[in-house]
Amino acid sequence: MTGKHTLQEIEAAEKKPLWKRLGWLAMIWAGSVLALFIVASLMRLFMSAAGLSTH
């Protein structure tokens, strides 16, 4: 496998329903927002443990 997609693979991907493609986009976006929330919460927890305030 060379990493390049064939024309048939590209056409097959374009035939998928729009709601499925948008669903993947929404899932990836939600996952990134959740990951950012977790990292920010952990940083806030560590700052509080070190005696720093967040306000």
C-alpha atoms as a PDB file:
ATOM      1  CA  MET A   1       0.000   0.000   0.000  1.00  0.00           C
ATOM      2  CA  THR A   2       1.504   3.312  -1.093  1.00  0.00           C
ATOM      3  CA  GLY A   3      -0.747   5.565   0.957  1.00  0.00           C
ATOM      4  CA  LYS A   4      -2.507   6.959  -2.117  1.00  0.00           C
ATOM      5  CA  HIS A   5      -6.216   6.400  -2.570  1.00  0.00           C
ATOM      6  CA  THR A   6      -7.603   5.004  -5.806  1.00  0.00           C
ATOM      7  CA  LEU A   7     -10.339   6.706  -7.733  1.00  0.00           C
ATOM      8  CA  GLN A   8     -12.772   3.954  -6.732  1.00  0.00           C
ATOM      9  CA  GLU A   9     -12.049   4.528  -3.022  1.00  0.00           C
ATOM     10  CA  ILE A  10     -12.589   8.266  -3.378  1.00  0.00           C
ATOM     11  CA  GLU A  11     -15.859   7.772  -5.259  1.00  0.00           C
ATOM     12  CA  ALA A  12     -17.059   5.284  -2.642  1.00  0.00           C
ATOM     13  CA  ALA A  13     -16.320   7.769   0.149  1.00  0.00           C
ATOM     14  CA  GLU A  14     -18.223  10.515  -1.673  1.00  0.00           C
ATOM     15  CA  LYS A  15     -21.297   8.282  -2.011  1.00  0.00           C
ATOM     16  CA  LYS A  16     -21.703   7.949   1.757  1.00  0.00           C
ATOM     17  CA  PRO A  17     -24.697   9.876   3.095  1.00  0.00           C
ATOM     18  CA  LEU A  18     -24.084  13.431   4.214  1.00  0.00           C
ATOM     19  CA  TRP A  19     -25.462  12.722   7.693  1.00  0.00           C
ATOM     20  CA  LYS A  20     -22.830  10.009   8.213  1.00  0.00           C
ATOM     21  CA  ARG A  21     -20.002  12.295   7.143  1.00  0.00           C
ATOM     22  CA  LEU A  22     -21.315  15.112   9.335  1.00  0.00           C
ATOM     23  CA  GLY A  23     -21.787  12.637  12.183  1.00  0.00           C
ATOM     24  CA  TRP A  24     -18.100  11.742  12.058  1.00  0.00           C
ATOM     25  CA  LEU A  25     -17.202  15.415  12.010  1.00  0.00           C
ATOM     26  CA  ALA A  26     -19.394  16.078  15.058  1.00  0.00           C
ATOM     27  CA  MET A  27     -17.933  13.087  16.923  1.00  0.00           C
ATOM     28  CA  ILE A  28     -14.361  14.218  16.274  1.00  0.00           C
ATOM     29  CA  TRP A  29     -15.214  17.774  17.350  1.00  0.00           C
ATOM     30  CA  ALA A  30     -16.962  16.583  20.532  1.00  0.00           C
ATOM     31  CA  GLY A  31     -14.027  14.304  21.331  1.00  0.00           C
ATOM     32  CA  SER A  32     -11.555  17.153  21.002  1.00  0.00           C
ATOM     33  CA  VAL A  33     -13.687  19.428  23.206  1.00  0.00           C
ATOM     34  CA  LEU A  34     -13.928  16.668  25.819  1.00  0.00           C
ATOM     35  CA  ALA A  35     -10.160  16.092  25.718  1.00  0.00           C
ATOM     36  CA  LEU A  36      -9.532  19.814  26.173  1.00  0.00           C
ATOM     37  CA  PHE A  37     -11.949  19.893  29.134  1.00  0.00           C
ATOM     38  CA  ILE A  38     -10.162  16.959  30.776  1.00  0.00           C
ATOM     39  CA  VAL A  39      -6.723  18.535  30.333  1.00  0.00           C
ATOM     40  CA  ALA A  40      -7.931  21.898  31.658  1.00  0.00           C
ATOM     41  CA  SER A  41      -9.600  20.237  34.650  1.00  0.00           C
ATOM     42  CA  LEU A  42      -6.438  18.318  35.499  1.00  0.00           C
ATOM     43  CA  MET A  43      -4.363  21.483  35.270  1.00  0.00           C
ATOM     44  CA  ARG A  44      -6.797  23.282  37.548  1.00  0.00           C
ATOM     45  CA  LEU A  45      -6.673  20.368  40.012  1.00  0.00           C
ATOM     46  CA  PHE A  46      -2.869  20.393  40.080  1.00  0.00           C
ATOM     47  CA  MET A  47      -2.796  24.173  40.492  1.00  0.00           C
ATOM     48  CA  SER A  48      -5.193  23.930  43.425  1.00  0.00           C
ATOM     49  CA  ALA A  49      -3.068  21.174  44.982  1.00  0.00           C
ATOM     50  CA  ALA A  50       0.004  23.431  44.669  1.00  0.00           C
ATOM     51  CA  GLY A  51      -1.790  26.247  46.495  1.00  0.00           C
ATOM     52  CA  LEU A  52      -2.487  28.429  43.491  1.00  0.00           C
ATOM     53  CA  SER A  53      -5.892  29.969  42.937  1.00  0.00           C
ATOM     54  CA  THR A  54      -7.771  30.096  39.641  1.00  0.00           C
ATOM     55  CA  HIS A  55      -9.408  33.468  40.247  1.00  0.00           C
END
